[in-house]
Protein backbone atom coordinates (compact mmCIF):
# COMPACT_ATOMS: atom_id res chain seq x y z
CA MET A 1 13.86 47.82 160.83
CA PHE A 2 14.85 44.41 159.48
CA SER A 3 17.87 42.58 160.74
CA GLN A 4 20.65 41.69 158.34
CA GLN A 5 19.59 38.06 158.38
CA GLU A 6 16.00 38.96 157.47
CA VAL A 7 17.20 41.20 154.62
CA LEU A 8 19.31 38.34 153.28
CA LYS A 9 16.28 35.98 153.40
CA ILE A 10 14.14 38.51 151.51
CA LYS A 11 16.82 38.99 148.81
CA THR A 12 17.23 35.21 148.45
CA SER A 13 13.45 34.79 148.19
CA LYS A 14 13.25 37.49 145.48
CA LYS A 15 16.03 35.81 143.45
CA ALA A 16 14.37 32.40 143.75
CA LEU A 17 11.01 33.87 142.71
CA SER A 18 12.64 35.66 139.79
CA LEU A 19 14.34 32.44 138.61
CA LEU A 20 11.13 30.50 139.00
CA LEU A 21 9.16 33.06 136.96
CA SER A 22 11.88 33.13 134.25
CA GLY A 23 11.80 29.33 134.02
CA PHE A 24 8.01 29.33 133.80
CA VAL A 25 8.05 31.95 131.01
CA LEU A 26 10.67 29.90 129.13
CA ILE A 27 8.51 26.77 129.45
CA LEU A 28 5.58 28.69 127.95
CA ILE A 29 7.51 30.40 125.14
CA LEU A 30 9.92 27.64 124.00
CA PRO A 31 7.27 25.27 122.59
CA ALA A 32 5.74 28.15 120.63
CA ILE A 33 9.14 29.02 119.16
CA CYS A 34 10.01 25.42 118.38
CA SER A 35 6.74 24.03 117.09
CA SER A 36 6.02 26.38 114.16
CA ASN A 37 3.24 24.65 112.14
CA SER A 38 3.93 20.95 112.72
CA LEU A 39 4.47 18.84 115.79
CA ILE A 40 7.74 16.98 115.34
CA THR A 41 7.72 13.62 117.07
CA GLU A 42 11.04 12.15 115.91
CA LYS A 43 14.23 13.16 114.14
CA LYS A 44 16.98 10.84 112.89
CA VAL A 45 20.29 12.19 111.57
CA ILE A 46 22.71 9.83 109.83
CA PHE A 47 26.25 10.90 108.94
CA TYR A 48 28.42 8.90 106.51
CA ASN A 49 32.12 9.63 106.04
CA ASP A 50 34.52 7.66 103.90
CA THR A 51 37.93 7.99 102.27
CA LEU A 52 38.75 5.79 99.28
CA GLU A 53 42.17 5.51 97.65
CA GLY A 54 43.79 3.73 94.75
CA GLU A 55 46.64 4.00 92.29
CA SER A 56 47.93 2.78 88.94
CA GLU A 57 51.32 2.95 87.24
CA ASN A 58 51.26 6.74 86.75
CA TRP A 59 48.38 8.01 88.85
CA LYS A 60 46.98 7.93 92.34
CA ALA A 61 43.60 9.21 93.46
CA LYS A 62 41.70 9.84 96.68
CA TYR A 63 37.92 10.24 97.01
CA LEU A 64 36.56 11.94 100.15
CA LEU A 65 32.83 11.60 100.83
CA ASN A 66 30.62 13.23 103.49
CA GLU A 67 26.87 12.58 103.51
CA THR A 68 24.16 13.78 105.89
CA HIS A 69 20.65 12.31 105.87
CA ILE A 70 17.91 13.83 108.05
CA PHE A 71 14.55 12.11 108.56
CA ILE A 72 11.91 14.16 110.40
CA THR A 73 8.58 12.68 111.45
CA ALA A 74 5.86 15.29 111.89
CA ASP A 75 2.09 14.85 111.83
CA ARG A 76 2.65 11.11 111.13
CA LYS A 77 4.56 11.84 107.91
CA THR A 78 8.30 11.36 107.44
CA HIS A 79 10.17 14.09 105.59
CA TYR A 80 13.70 13.78 104.22
CA TYR A 81 16.58 16.16 103.68
CA GLY A 82 19.98 15.04 102.40
CA LYS A 83 23.28 16.63 101.55
CA ASP A 84 26.42 15.08 100.14
CA GLU A 85 29.81 16.57 99.46
CA SER A 86 32.69 14.84 97.74
CA ARG A 87 36.19 15.62 96.54
CA LEU A 88 38.24 13.60 94.07
CA ILE A 89 41.96 14.39 94.25
CA ILE A 90 43.91 13.17 91.20
CA THR A 91 47.72 13.16 91.38
CA TYR A 92 50.25 12.38 88.65
CA LYS A 93 52.97 10.34 90.39
CA HIS A 94 55.98 11.36 88.31
CA ASN A 95 57.85 14.64 87.90
CA LEU A 96 57.22 16.48 84.68
CA SER A 97 59.88 18.68 83.15
CA GLU A 98 59.24 22.38 82.66
CA SER A 99 59.09 21.79 78.90
CA SER A 100 56.19 19.31 79.39
CA PHE A 101 53.79 22.00 80.60
CA PRO A 102 50.98 22.49 79.88
CA LYS A 103 50.10 18.79 79.96
CA PRO A 104 46.49 17.88 79.01
CA PHE A 105 44.69 14.80 80.33
CA GLU A 106 41.15 13.45 80.51
CA TYR A 107 39.42 12.01 83.54
CA SER A 108 36.13 10.30 84.30
CA TYR A 109 34.82 8.75 87.50
CA ASP A 110 31.85 6.73 88.68
CA ALA A 111 30.99 6.84 92.39
CA GLY A 112 27.54 5.24 92.30
CA SER A 113 25.15 8.18 92.69
CA SER A 114 27.79 10.68 91.54
CA GLU A 115 29.84 10.70 88.35
CA GLY A 116 31.70 13.15 86.19
CA SER A 117 34.30 13.70 83.48
CA GLY A 118 36.38 16.44 81.99
CA ASN A 119 39.45 17.59 80.09
CA VAL A 120 42.10 19.22 82.24
CA THR A 121 45.53 20.73 81.73
CA LEU A 122 48.29 20.32 84.31
CA ASP A 123 50.21 23.56 84.34
CA ARG A 124 52.21 23.39 87.56
CA LYS A 125 54.73 21.11 89.19
CA ASP A 126 52.57 19.66 91.99
CA CYS A 127 50.48 17.77 89.40
CA ASN A 128 47.34 17.63 91.56
CA TYR A 129 43.81 18.22 90.34
CA VAL A 130 40.72 18.40 92.57
CA VAL A 131 37.14 17.69 91.44
CA ARG A 132 34.46 18.91 93.86
CA SER A 133 30.82 17.90 93.98
CA CYS A 134 27.96 18.95 96.26
CA SER A 135 24.23 18.27 96.15
CA GLU A 136 21.30 18.63 98.50
CA GLY A 137 17.57 18.12 98.41
CA GLY A 138 14.49 16.44 99.77
CA SER A 139 11.05 17.34 101.04
CA VAL A 140 12.41 19.13 104.13
CA LYS A 141 14.25 21.60 101.90
CA ASP A 142 10.94 22.60 100.31
CA GLN A 143 9.47 23.21 103.78
CA ARG A 144 12.48 24.85 105.37
CA ALA A 145 10.32 27.48 107.12
CA VAL A 146 8.30 24.76 108.84
CA PHE A 147 11.26 22.61 109.91
CA LYS A 148 13.88 25.34 110.41
CA HIS A 149 13.93 24.78 114.17
CA THR A 150 14.94 21.12 113.83
CA ILE A 151 18.49 22.08 112.90
CA ASP A 152 18.80 24.27 116.02
CA LEU A 153 20.12 22.32 119.02
CA LEU A 154 17.95 24.33 121.42
CA CYS A 155 14.78 23.13 119.71
CA THR A 156 15.83 19.60 118.77
CA PRO A 157 12.98 17.19 119.50
CA TYR A 158 13.26 14.89 122.51
CA ARG A 159 13.47 11.76 120.35
CA THR A 160 16.51 12.63 118.24
CA VAL A 161 18.92 9.92 117.15
CA TYR A 162 22.39 10.65 115.73
CA ILE A 163 24.18 7.85 113.88
CA TYR A 164 27.79 8.09 112.64
CA ARG A 165 28.98 5.54 110.09
CA ASN A 166 31.99 4.94 107.92
CA GLY A 167 31.27 3.97 104.34
CA GLY A 168 29.11 6.21 102.17
CA THR A 169 25.70 5.04 101.04
CA GLY A 170 26.00 6.70 97.64
CA LEU A 171 28.93 4.54 96.54
CA GLY A 172 26.90 1.68 95.12
CA GLU A 173 26.87 -1.99 96.06
CA ASP A 174 30.62 -2.64 95.91
CA CYS A 175 31.59 0.58 97.78
CA THR A 176 34.24 1.52 95.24
CA VAL A 177 34.90 4.49 92.98
CA LYS A 178 36.10 3.78 89.44
CA VAL A 179 38.40 6.37 87.86
CA THR A 180 39.70 6.41 84.27
CA LEU A 181 42.57 8.70 83.24
CA VAL A 182 44.00 9.29 79.76
CA MET A 183 47.25 11.16 79.05
CA ASP A 184 49.22 11.02 75.79
CA GLY A 185 46.81 8.36 74.50
CA LYS A 186 47.57 6.02 77.42
CA LYS A 187 44.48 4.97 79.38
CA GLU A 188 44.74 3.86 83.01
CA LYS A 189 41.93 2.66 85.27
CA LEU A 190 41.95 2.94 89.05
CA VAL A 191 39.58 1.32 91.54
CA LEU A 192 39.42 3.34 94.74
CA LYS A 193 38.63 1.36 97.89
CA SER A 194 37.88 2.40 101.45
CA THR A 195 40.92 2.94 103.66
CA GLU A 196 38.94 2.35 106.87
């Protein structure tokens, strides 16, 4: 019969062997899971966040921008995927009487790579209106099956660089957003600038 100390050594040896075998299996399987069809040698992820604000006599506006740019190098080719989301919050600064509703106004904005316009009716007392925009695209999107594992933290390539910046790249050279508002025939222009 084995002594208690010998039994403990055998159990410890079995656990160590089991852990070693599990680690070895993981080392063999993980590259197969993560490498799909292309060998990824580098990944760069750039995040841009910015808040721009401005006001005129009757209006104030805030533009919130979030951009993500992913550059993946695989088989000596660089692939790109980008996504940007923005919100334009337009607020009428004065109180409107109940008899003023509904109150129509027109808006247009130019944020460099993104622009829009519309006719809107204010029909409540808070006098806020929100314009949302979202776009995504790039060569990685077309090959999502090949590069799916690059988004997963478990399979992120060794050479991955994350960069966080304030100031959105899509805002043009002067980093401003131009907003034009018209209500009751009165036109007002706002230039929104970064608050950071």
